[in-house]
Amino acid sequence: MARPGSEHPTELELEILKILWDESPLPVRDA
């Protein structure tokens, strides 16, 4: 879902990711 010319996630996308991670944490904290 990345937009052309934008490699970095937008603030809205970051908020969505934080919500998704809060509901179903990914094994990123083990790294």
C-alpha atoms as a PDB file:
ATOM      1  CA  MET A   1       0.000   0.000   0.000  1.00  0.00           C
ATOM      2  CA  ALA A   2       3.018   2.260  -0.383  1.00  0.00           C
ATOM      3  CA  ARG A   3       2.440   5.404  -2.384  1.00  0.00           C
ATOM      4  CA  PRO A   4       4.747   6.226  -5.332  1.00  0.00           C
ATOM      5  CA  GLY A   5       7.443   8.709  -4.333  1.00  0.00           C
ATOM      6  CA  SER A   6       6.926   8.066  -0.616  1.00  0.00           C
ATOM      7  CA  GLU A   7       9.124   5.426   0.974  1.00  0.00           C
ATOM      8  CA  HIS A   8       8.384   6.472   4.543  1.00  0.00           C
ATOM      9  CA  PRO A   9       5.103   5.697   6.307  1.00  0.00           C
ATOM     10  CA  THR A  10       2.835   8.620   7.081  1.00  0.00           C
ATOM     11  CA  GLU A  11       1.822   9.569  10.621  1.00  0.00           C
ATOM     12  CA  LEU A  12      -1.601   8.027  10.024  1.00  0.00           C
ATOM     13  CA  GLU A  13      -0.028   4.764   8.907  1.00  0.00           C
ATOM     14  CA  LEU A  14       2.216   4.789  11.981  1.00  0.00           C
ATOM     15  CA  GLU A  15      -0.836   5.230  14.219  1.00  0.00           C
ATOM     16  CA  ILE A  16      -2.521   2.266  12.520  1.00  0.00           C
ATOM     17  CA  LEU A  17       0.589   0.146  12.942  1.00  0.00           C
ATOM     18  CA  LYS A  18       0.802   1.028  16.646  1.00  0.00           C
ATOM     19  CA  ILE A  19      -2.832  -0.020  17.116  1.00  0.00           C
ATOM     20  CA  LEU A  20      -2.277  -3.298  15.279  1.00  0.00           C
ATOM     21  CA  TRP A  21       0.874  -4.025  17.276  1.00  0.00           C
ATOM     22  CA  ASP A  22      -0.907  -3.164  20.543  1.00  0.00           C
ATOM     23  CA  GLU A  23      -3.707  -5.639  19.809  1.00  0.00           C
ATOM     24  CA  SER A  24      -1.468  -8.390  18.445  1.00  0.00           C
ATOM     25  CA  PRO A  25       2.179  -7.758  19.384  1.00  0.00           C
ATOM     26  CA  LEU A  26       4.755  -9.021  16.919  1.00  0.00           C
ATOM     27  CA  PRO A  27       7.967 -10.737  18.093  1.00  0.00           C
ATOM     28  CA  VAL A  28       9.906  -7.516  17.567  1.00  0.00           C
ATOM     29  CA  ARG A  29      10.564  -6.898  21.254  1.00  0.00           C
ATOM     30  CA  ASP A  30      12.640 -10.078  21.383  1.00  0.00           C
ATOM     31  CA  ALA A  31      15.161  -8.584  18.957  1.00  0.00           C
END
